[in-house]
Amino acid sequence: MTNEIEALWKLFQSLDIVWKRALKSKVLELAYPATSSMWPPPDIVKTKGGVKSNKDKVPKGYNVYHYPSYRENVNNEYSNSQGTKGI
């Protein structure tokens, strides 16, 4: 093992800082197998109880499956403008 350790040490000295950190973390994993570089999640993620939608947010007469035609748009605008004038 002495030859291999010396070879690793020579390799370590010739590397730049990024590769030195990577090699050091791998050697630490080999030397101390009980430790881990993984961390537990900070909080428990809630997967149940999603946000409830409010049906009052959808405008009256709105249908997601029906795209109104030009005539229907004109009729709606005309009926809305007639109702506000108070004839």
PDB file of N, CA and C in Angstrom:
ATOM      1  N   MET A   1       0.834  -1.209   0.000  1.00  0.00           N
ATOM      2  CA  MET A   1       0.000   0.000   0.000  1.00  0.00           C
ATOM      3  C   MET A   1       0.868   1.258   0.000  1.00  0.00           C
ATOM      4  N   THR A   2       2.121   1.136   0.430  1.00  0.00           N
ATOM      5  CA  THR A   2       2.966   2.323   0.510  1.00  0.00           C
ATOM      6  C   THR A   2       3.202   2.933  -0.858  1.00  0.00           C
ATOM      7  N   ASN A   3       3.427   2.119  -1.858  1.00  0.00           N
ATOM      8  CA  ASN A   3       3.633   2.628  -3.220  1.00  0.00           C
ATOM      9  C   ASN A   3       2.386   3.343  -3.740  1.00  0.00           C
ATOM     10  N   GLU A   4       1.226   2.778  -3.474  1.00  0.00           N
ATOM     11  CA  GLU A   4      -0.028   3.383  -3.937  1.00  0.00           C
ATOM     12  C   GLU A   4      -0.294   4.704  -3.220  1.00  0.00           C
ATOM     13  N   ILE A   5      -0.001   4.747  -1.941  1.00  0.00           N
ATOM     14  CA  ILE A   5      -0.214   5.990  -1.187  1.00  0.00           C
ATOM     15  C   ILE A   5       0.736   7.076  -1.676  1.00  0.00           C
ATOM     16  N   GLU A   6       1.979   6.698  -1.969  1.00  0.00           N
ATOM     17  CA  GLU A   6       2.930   7.675  -2.512  1.00  0.00           C
ATOM     18  C   GLU A   6       2.494   8.161  -3.890  1.00  0.00           C
ATOM     19  N   ALA A   7       1.948   7.268  -4.708  1.00  0.00           N
ATOM     20  CA  ALA A   7       1.457   7.652  -6.030  1.00  0.00           C
ATOM     21  C   ALA A   7       0.270   8.614  -5.895  1.00  0.00           C
ATOM     22  N   LEU A   8      -0.615   8.340  -4.954  1.00  0.00           N
ATOM     23  CA  LEU A   8      -1.738   9.261  -4.709  1.00  0.00           C
ATOM     24  C   LEU A   8      -1.243  10.616  -4.223  1.00  0.00           C
ATOM     25  N   TRP A   9      -0.228  10.616  -3.360  1.00  0.00           N
ATOM     26  CA  TRP A   9       0.301  11.873  -2.836  1.00  0.00           C
ATOM     27  C   TRP A   9       0.940  12.702  -3.955  1.00  0.00           C
ATOM     28  N   LYS A  10       1.693  12.053  -4.860  1.00  0.00           N
ATOM     29  CA  LYS A  10       2.292  12.765  -5.995  1.00  0.00           C
ATOM     30  C   LYS A  10       1.205  13.313  -6.927  1.00  0.00           C
ATOM     31  N   LEU A  11       0.184  12.514  -7.158  1.00  0.00           N
ATOM     32  CA  LEU A  11      -0.941  12.966  -7.985  1.00  0.00           C
ATOM     33  C   LEU A  11      -1.632  14.149  -7.327  1.00  0.00           C
ATOM     34  N   PHE A  12      -1.828  14.069  -6.037  1.00  0.00           N
ATOM     35  CA  PHE A  12      -2.492  15.146  -5.300  1.00  0.00           C
ATOM     36  C   PHE A  12      -1.703  16.451  -5.413  1.00  0.00           C
ATOM     37  N   GLN A  13      -0.393  16.386  -5.320  1.00  0.00           N
ATOM     38  CA  GLN A  13       0.436  17.600  -5.383  1.00  0.00           C
ATOM     39  C   GLN A  13       0.445  18.214  -6.776  1.00  0.00           C
ATOM     40  N   SER A  14       0.211  17.422  -7.804  1.00  0.00           N
ATOM     41  CA  SER A  14       0.260  17.956  -9.167  1.00  0.00           C
ATOM     42  C   SER A  14      -1.089  18.519  -9.640  1.00  0.00           C
ATOM     43  N   LEU A  15      -2.143  18.301  -8.896  1.00  0.00           N
ATOM     44  CA  LEU A  15      -3.483  18.737  -9.322  1.00  0.00           C
ATOM     45  C   LEU A  15      -3.759  20.181  -8.927  1.00  0.00           C
ATOM     46  N   ASP A  16      -4.737  20.780  -9.628  1.00  0.00           N
ATOM     47  CA  ASP A  16      -5.200  22.113  -9.224  1.00  0.00           C
ATOM     48  C   ASP A  16      -6.187  21.973  -8.069  1.00  0.00           C
ATOM     49  N   ILE A  17      -6.671  23.094  -7.555  1.00  0.00           N
ATOM     50  CA  ILE A  17      -7.472  23.112  -6.323  1.00  0.00           C
ATOM     51  C   ILE A  17      -8.787  22.326  -6.460  1.00  0.00           C
ATOM     52  N   VAL A  18      -9.420  22.401  -7.628  1.00  0.00           N
ATOM     53  CA  VAL A  18     -10.705  21.715  -7.816  1.00  0.00           C
ATOM     54  C   VAL A  18     -10.502  20.197  -7.757  1.00  0.00           C
ATOM     55  N   TRP A  19      -9.489  19.702  -8.467  1.00  0.00           N
ATOM     56  CA  TRP A  19      -9.240  18.270  -8.472  1.00  0.00           C
ATOM     57  C   TRP A  19      -8.700  17.787  -7.130  1.00  0.00           C
ATOM     58  N   LYS A  20      -7.970  18.669  -6.431  1.00  0.00           N
ATOM     59  CA  LYS A  20      -7.496  18.303  -5.090  1.00  0.00           C
ATOM     60  C   LYS A  20      -8.670  18.053  -4.153  1.00  0.00           C
ATOM     61  N   ARG A  21      -9.675  18.913  -4.225  1.00  0.00           N
ATOM     62  CA  ARG A  21     -10.857  18.742  -3.368  1.00  0.00           C
ATOM     63  C   ARG A  21     -11.591  17.445  -3.703  1.00  0.00           C
ATOM     64  N   ALA A  22     -11.696  17.148  -5.018  1.00  0.00           N
ATOM     65  CA  ALA A  22     -12.392  15.931  -5.438  1.00  0.00           C
ATOM     66  C   ALA A  22     -11.641  14.694  -4.960  1.00  0.00           C
ATOM     67  N   LEU A  23     -10.315  14.695  -5.148  1.00  0.00           N
ATOM     68  CA  LEU A  23      -9.515  13.547  -4.717  1.00  0.00           C
ATOM     69  C   LEU A  23      -9.551  13.387  -3.204  1.00  0.00           C
ATOM     70  N   LYS A  24      -9.512  14.512  -2.491  1.00  0.00           N
ATOM     71  CA  LYS A  24      -9.546  14.453  -1.029  1.00  0.00           C
ATOM     72  C   LYS A  24     -10.874  13.864  -0.539  1.00  0.00           C
ATOM     73  N   SER A  25     -11.980  14.244  -1.179  1.00  0.00           N
ATOM     74  CA  SER A  25     -13.272  13.699  -0.751  1.00  0.00           C
ATOM     75  C   SER A  25     -13.349  12.198  -1.008  1.00  0.00           C
ATOM     76  N   LYS A  26     -12.768  11.736  -2.117  1.00  0.00           N
ATOM     77  CA  LYS A  26     -12.765  10.300  -2.400  1.00  0.00           C
ATOM     78  C   LYS A  26     -11.900   9.535  -1.394  1.00  0.00           C
ATOM     79  N   VAL A  27     -10.745  10.107  -1.035  1.00  0.00           N
ATOM     80  CA  VAL A  27      -9.881   9.454  -0.056  1.00  0.00           C
ATOM     81  C   VAL A  27     -10.553   9.414   1.311  1.00  0.00           C
ATOM     82  N   LEU A  28     -11.260  10.481   1.661  1.00  0.00           N
ATOM     83  CA  LEU A  28     -11.994  10.495   2.932  1.00  0.00           C
ATOM     84  C   LEU A  28     -13.086   9.435   2.963  1.00  0.00           C
ATOM     85  N   GLU A  29     -13.753   9.226   1.825  1.00  0.00           N
ATOM     86  CA  GLU A  29     -14.775   8.175   1.761  1.00  0.00           C
ATOM     87  C   GLU A  29     -14.147   6.802   1.980  1.00  0.00           C
ATOM     88  N   LEU A  30     -12.939   6.600   1.439  1.00  0.00           N
ATOM     89  CA  LEU A  30     -12.266   5.319   1.640  1.00  0.00           C
ATOM     90  C   LEU A  30     -11.754   5.162   3.067  1.00  0.00           C
ATOM     91  N   ALA A  31     -11.218   6.225   3.630  1.00  0.00           N
ATOM     92  CA  ALA A  31     -10.618   6.144   4.958  1.00  0.00           C
ATOM     93  C   ALA A  31     -11.670   6.051   6.056  1.00  0.00           C
ATOM     94  N   TYR A  32     -12.778   6.763   5.879  1.00  0.00           N
ATOM     95  CA  TYR A  32     -13.835   6.803   6.903  1.00  0.00           C
ATOM     96  C   TYR A  32     -15.169   6.403   6.262  1.00  0.00           C
ATOM     97  N   PRO A  33     -15.410   5.116   6.066  1.00  0.00           N
ATOM     98  CA  PRO A  33     -16.640   4.689   5.384  1.00  0.00           C
ATOM     99  C   PRO A  33     -17.915   4.950   6.186  1.00  0.00           C
ATOM    100  N   ALA A  34     -17.791   5.142   7.495  1.00  0.00           N
ATOM    101  CA  ALA A  34     -18.992   5.386   8.307  1.00  0.00           C
ATOM    102  C   ALA A  34     -19.534   6.790   8.072  1.00  0.00           C
ATOM    103  N   THR A  35     -18.679   7.706   7.656  1.00  0.00           N
ATOM    104  CA  THR A  35     -19.141   9.073   7.405  1.00  0.00           C
ATOM    105  C   THR A  35     -19.632   9.182   5.972  1.00  0.00           C
ATOM    106  N   SER A  36     -20.455  10.187   5.741  1.00  0.00           N
ATOM    107  CA  SER A  36     -21.014  10.383   4.417  1.00  0.00           C
ATOM    108  C   SER A  36     -21.033  11.870   4.101  1.00  0.00           C
ATOM    109  N   SER A  37     -20.900  12.185   2.835  1.00  0.00           N
ATOM    110  CA  SER A  37     -20.963  13.590   2.425  1.00  0.00           C
ATOM    111  C   SER A  37     -22.401  14.036   2.172  1.00  0.00           C
ATOM    112  N   MET A  38     -23.339  13.105   2.294  1.00  0.00           N
ATOM    113  CA  MET A  38     -24.739  13.453   2.065  1.00  0.00           C
ATOM    114  C   MET A  38     -25.344  14.051   3.329  1.00  0.00           C
ATOM    115  N   TRP A  39     -26.252  15.000   3.138  1.00  0.00           N
ATOM    116  CA  TRP A  39     -26.938  15.662   4.241  1.00  0.00           C
ATOM    117  C   TRP A  39     -28.420  15.349   4.165  1.00  0.00           C
ATOM    118  N   PRO A  40     -29.113  15.287   5.312  1.00  0.00           N
ATOM    119  CA  PRO A  40     -30.559  15.070   5.265  1.00  0.00           C
ATOM    120  C   PRO A  40     -31.253  16.322   4.747  1.00  0.00           C
ATOM    121  N   PRO A  41     -32.448  16.191   4.218  1.00  0.00           N
ATOM    122  CA  PRO A  41     -33.176  17.367   3.751  1.00  0.00           C
ATOM    123  C   PRO A  41     -33.473  18.300   4.923  1.00  0.00           C
ATOM    124  N   PRO A  42     -33.497  19.627   4.672  1.00  0.00           N
ATOM    125  CA  PRO A  42     -33.691  20.571   5.771  1.00  0.00           C
ATOM    126  C   PRO A  42     -35.065  20.465   6.429  1.00  0.00           C
ATOM    127  N   ASP A  43     -36.123  20.270   5.662  1.00  0.00           N
ATOM    128  CA  ASP A  43     -37.475  20.176   6.200  1.00  0.00           C
ATOM    129  C   ASP A  43     -38.195  19.013   5.541  1.00  0.00           C
ATOM    130  N   ILE A  44     -39.216  18.528   6.221  1.00  0.00           N
ATOM    131  CA  ILE A  44     -40.043  17.481   5.647  1.00  0.00           C
ATOM    132  C   ILE A  44     -40.967  18.135   4.617  1.00  0.00           C
ATOM    133  N   VAL A  45     -40.982  17.585   3.428  1.00  0.00           N
ATOM    134  CA  VAL A  45     -41.791  18.131   2.351  1.00  0.00           C
ATOM    135  C   VAL A  45     -43.204  17.576   2.477  1.00  0.00           C
ATOM    136  N   LYS A  46     -44.185  18.473   2.507  1.00  0.00           N
ATOM    137  CA  LYS A  46     -45.580  18.058   2.591  1.00  0.00           C
ATOM    138  C   LYS A  46     -46.063  17.687   1.192  1.00  0.00           C
ATOM    139  N   THR A  47     -46.531  16.463   1.044  1.00  0.00           N
ATOM    140  CA  THR A  47     -47.018  16.017  -0.254  1.00  0.00           C
ATOM    141  C   THR A  47     -48.529  15.893  -0.294  1.00  0.00           C
ATOM    142  N   LYS A  48     -49.181  15.938   0.846  1.00  0.00           N
ATOM    143  CA  LYS A  48     -50.643  15.816   0.889  1.00  0.00           C
ATOM    144  C   LYS A  48     -51.246  17.154   1.275  1.00  0.00           C
ATOM    145  N   GLY A  49     -52.518  17.296   1.006  1.00  0.00           N
ATOM    146  CA  GLY A  49     -53.223  18.511   1.400  1.00  0.00           C
ATOM    147  C   GLY A  49     -52.887  19.681   0.499  1.00  0.00           C
ATOM    148  N   GLY A  50     -53.073  19.502  -0.798  1.00  0.00           N
ATOM    149  CA  GLY A  50     -52.777  20.562  -1.751  1.00  0.00           C
ATOM    150  C   GLY A  50     -53.689  21.761  -1.560  1.00  0.00           C
ATOM    151  N   VAL A  51     -53.372  22.822  -2.262  1.00  0.00           N
ATOM    152  CA  VAL A  51     -54.140  24.058  -2.174  1.00  0.00           C
ATOM    153  C   VAL A  51     -55.491  23.837  -2.827  1.00  0.00           C
ATOM    154  N   LYS A  52     -56.548  24.207  -2.123  1.00  0.00           N
ATOM    155  CA  LYS A  52     -57.898  24.054  -2.637  1.00  0.00           C
ATOM    156  C   LYS A  52     -58.206  25.205  -3.586  1.00  0.00           C
ATOM    157  N   SER A  53     -58.815  24.881  -4.719  1.00  0.00           N
ATOM    158  CA  SER A  53     -59.184  25.929  -5.663  1.00  0.00           C
ATOM    159  C   SER A  53     -60.553  26.493  -5.284  1.00  0.00           C
ATOM    160  N   ASN A  54     -60.722  27.757  -5.513  1.00  0.00           N
ATOM    161  CA  ASN A  54     -61.969  28.431  -5.210  1.00  0.00           C
ATOM    162  C   ASN A  54     -62.773  28.545  -6.497  1.00  0.00           C
ATOM    163  N   LYS A  55     -63.961  27.958  -6.538  1.00  0.00           N
ATOM    164  CA  LYS A  55     -64.758  27.966  -7.760  1.00  0.00           C
ATOM    165  C   LYS A  55     -65.318  29.349  -8.054  1.00  0.00           C
ATOM    166  N   ASP A  56     -65.294  30.251  -7.077  1.00  0.00           N
ATOM    167  CA  ASP A  56     -65.807  31.598  -7.313  1.00  0.00           C
ATOM    168  C   ASP A  56     -64.846  32.426  -8.168  1.00  0.00           C
ATOM    169  N   LYS A  57     -63.642  31.993  -8.331  1.00  0.00           N
ATOM    170  CA  LYS A  57     -62.666  32.734  -9.131  1.00  0.00           C
ATOM    171  C   LYS A  57     -62.974  32.658 -10.618  1.00  0.00           C
ATOM    172  N   VAL A  58     -63.663  31.606 -11.048  1.00  0.00           N
ATOM    173  CA  VAL A  58     -63.990  31.443 -12.459  1.00  0.00           C
ATOM    174  C   VAL A  58     -65.174  32.342 -12.787  1.00  0.00           C
ATOM    175  N   PRO A  59     -65.083  33.169 -13.842  1.00  0.00           N
ATOM    176  CA  PRO A  59     -66.204  34.041 -14.204  1.00  0.00           C
ATOM    177  C   PRO A  59     -67.446  33.229 -14.577  1.00  0.00           C
ATOM    178  N   LYS A  60     -68.605  33.805 -14.342  1.00  0.00           N
ATOM    179  CA  LYS A  60     -69.860  33.140 -14.640  1.00  0.00           C
ATOM    180  C   LYS A  60     -70.000  32.965 -16.151  1.00  0.00           C
ATOM    181  N   GLY A  61     -70.386  31.789 -16.565  1.00  0.00           N
ATOM    182  CA  GLY A  61     -70.548  31.500 -17.983  1.00  0.00           C
ATOM    183  C   GLY A  61     -69.245  31.129 -18.670  1.00  0.00           C
ATOM    184  N   TYR A  62     -68.185  30.946 -17.941  1.00  0.00           N
ATOM    185  CA  TYR A  62     -66.886  30.588 -18.518  1.00  0.00           C
ATOM    186  C   TYR A  62     -66.780  29.084 -18.624  1.00  0.00           C
ATOM    187  N   ASN A  63     -66.372  28.607 -19.774  1.00  0.00           N
ATOM    188  CA  ASN A  63     -66.224  27.186 -19.999  1.00  0.00           C
ATOM    189  C   ASN A  63     -64.855  26.946 -20.630  1.00  0.00           C
ATOM    190  N   VAL A  64     -64.041  26.112 -20.007  1.00  0.00           N
ATOM    191  CA  VAL A  64     -62.698  25.876 -20.514  1.00  0.00           C
ATOM    192  C   VAL A  64     -62.703  25.018 -21.772  1.00  0.00           C
ATOM    193  N   TYR A  65     -63.800  24.321 -22.047  1.00  0.00           N
ATOM    194  CA  TYR A  65     -63.857  23.446 -23.194  1.00  0.00           C
ATOM    195  C   TYR A  65     -64.503  24.113 -24.409  1.00  0.00           C
ATOM    196  N   HIS A  66     -64.935  25.343 -24.283  1.00  0.00           N
ATOM    197  CA  HIS A  66     -65.624  26.014 -25.383  1.00  0.00           C
ATOM    198  C   HIS A  66     -64.961  27.351 -25.661  1.00  0.00           C
ATOM    199  N   TYR A  67     -64.447  27.523 -26.861  1.00  0.00           N
ATOM    200  CA  TYR A  67     -63.860  28.789 -27.276  1.00  0.00           C
ATOM    201  C   TYR A  67     -64.945  29.581 -27.989  1.00  0.00           C
ATOM    202  N   PRO A  68     -65.373  30.736 -27.435  1.00  0.00           N
ATOM    203  CA  PRO A  68     -66.490  31.468 -28.033  1.00  0.00           C
ATOM    204  C   PRO A  68     -66.143  32.017 -29.412  1.00  0.00           C
ATOM    205  N   SER A  69     -67.149  31.992 -30.298  1.00  0.00           N
ATOM    206  CA  SER A  69     -66.953  32.505 -31.649  1.00  0.00           C
ATOM    207  C   SER A  69     -67.044  34.033 -31.630  1.00  0.00           C
ATOM    208  N   TYR A  70     -66.739  34.621 -32.754  1.00  0.00           N
ATOM    209  CA  TYR A  70     -66.806  36.078 -32.880  1.00  0.00           C
ATOM    210  C   TYR A  70     -68.217  36.574 -32.600  1.00  0.00           C
ATOM    211  N   ARG A  71     -69.237  35.857 -33.124  1.00  0.00           N
ATOM    212  CA  ARG A  71     -70.629  36.259 -32.923  1.00  0.00           C
ATOM    213  C   ARG A  71     -71.000  36.232 -31.446  1.00  0.00           C
ATOM    214  N   GLU A  72     -70.546  35.193 -30.726  1.00  0.00           N
ATOM    215  CA  GLU A  72     -70.852  35.115 -29.296  1.00  0.00           C
ATOM    216  C   GLU A  72     -70.177  36.240 -28.524  1.00  0.00           C
ATOM    217  N   ASN A  73     -68.958  36.596 -28.893  1.00  0.00           N
ATOM    218  CA  ASN A  73     -68.279  37.713 -28.234  1.00  0.00           C
ATOM    219  C   ASN A  73     -69.017  39.020 -28.467  1.00  0.00           C
ATOM    220  N   VAL A  74     -69.450  39.243 -29.720  1.00  0.00           N
ATOM    221  CA  VAL A  74     -70.182  40.480 -30.043  1.00  0.00           C
ATOM    222  C   VAL A  74     -71.502  40.498 -29.297  1.00  0.00           C
ATOM    223  N   ASN A  75     -72.218  39.378 -29.256  1.00  0.00           N
ATOM    224  CA  ASN A  75     -73.499  39.324 -28.548  1.00  0.00           C
ATOM    225  C   ASN A  75     -73.318  39.596 -27.052  1.00  0.00           C
ATOM    226  N   ASN A  76     -72.262  39.049 -26.451  1.00  0.00           N
ATOM    227  CA  ASN A  76     -72.013  39.290 -25.031  1.00  0.00           C
ATOM    228  C   ASN A  76     -71.707  40.761 -24.771  1.00  0.00           C
ATOM    229  N   GLU A  77     -70.882  41.359 -25.616  1.00  0.00           N
ATOM    230  CA  GLU A  77     -70.559  42.782 -25.447  1.00  0.00           C
ATOM    231  C   GLU A  77     -71.802  43.648 -25.648  1.00  0.00           C
ATOM    232  N   TYR A  78     -72.627  43.303 -26.634  1.00  0.00           N
ATOM    233  CA  TYR A  78     -73.833  44.073 -26.906  1.00  0.00           C
ATOM    234  C   TYR A  78     -74.824  43.956 -25.753  1.00  0.00           C
ATOM    235  N   SER A  79     -74.992  42.748 -25.225  1.00  0.00           N
ATOM    236  CA  SER A  79     -75.950  42.562 -24.122  1.00  0.00           C
ATOM    237  C   SER A  79     -75.425  43.257 -22.850  1.00  0.00           C
ATOM    238  N   ASN A  80     -74.100  43.278 -22.621  1.00  0.00           N
ATOM    239  CA  ASN A  80     -73.545  43.950 -21.465  1.00  0.00           C
ATOM    240  C   ASN A  80     -73.705  45.469 -21.593  1.00  0.00           C
ATOM    241  N   SER A  81     -73.531  45.990 -22.793  1.00  0.00           N
ATOM    242  CA  SER A  81     -73.647  47.450 -22.959  1.00  0.00           C
ATOM    243  C   SER A  81     -75.105  47.885 -22.901  1.00  0.00           C
ATOM    244  N   GLN A  82     -76.037  47.082 -23.376  1.00  0.00           N
ATOM    245  CA  GLN A  82     -77.450  47.414 -23.303  1.00  0.00           C
ATOM    246  C   GLN A  82     -77.958  47.380 -21.873  1.00  0.00           C
ATOM    247  N   GLY A  83     -77.453  46.449 -21.088  1.00  0.00           N
ATOM    248  CA  GLY A  83     -77.908  46.323 -19.713  1.00  0.00           C
ATOM    249  C   GLY A  83     -77.421  47.464 -18.841  1.00  0.00           C
ATOM    250  N   THR A  84     -76.313  48.096 -19.164  1.00  0.00           N
ATOM    251  CA  THR A  84     -75.772  49.180 -18.335  1.00  0.00           C
ATOM    252  C   THR A  84     -76.370  50.527 -18.673  1.00  0.00           C
ATOM    253  N   LYS A  85     -76.974  50.657 -19.857  1.00  0.00           N
ATOM    254  CA  LYS A  85     -77.538  51.957 -20.235  1.00  0.00           C
ATOM    255  C   LYS A  85     -78.867  52.225 -19.528  1.00  0.00           C
ATOM    256  N   GLY A  86     -79.566  51.169 -19.173  1.00  0.00           N
ATOM    257  CA  GLY A  86     -80.837  51.338 -18.442  1.00  0.00           C
ATOM    258  C   GLY A  86     -81.920  51.928 -19.302  1.00  0.00           C
ATOM    259  N   ILE A  87     -82.136  51.406 -20.501  1.00  0.00           N
ATOM    260  CA  ILE A  87     -83.122  51.918 -21.436  1.00  0.00           C
ATOM    261  C   ILE A  87     -84.500  51.633 -20.972  1.00  0.00           C
TER     262      ILE A  87
END
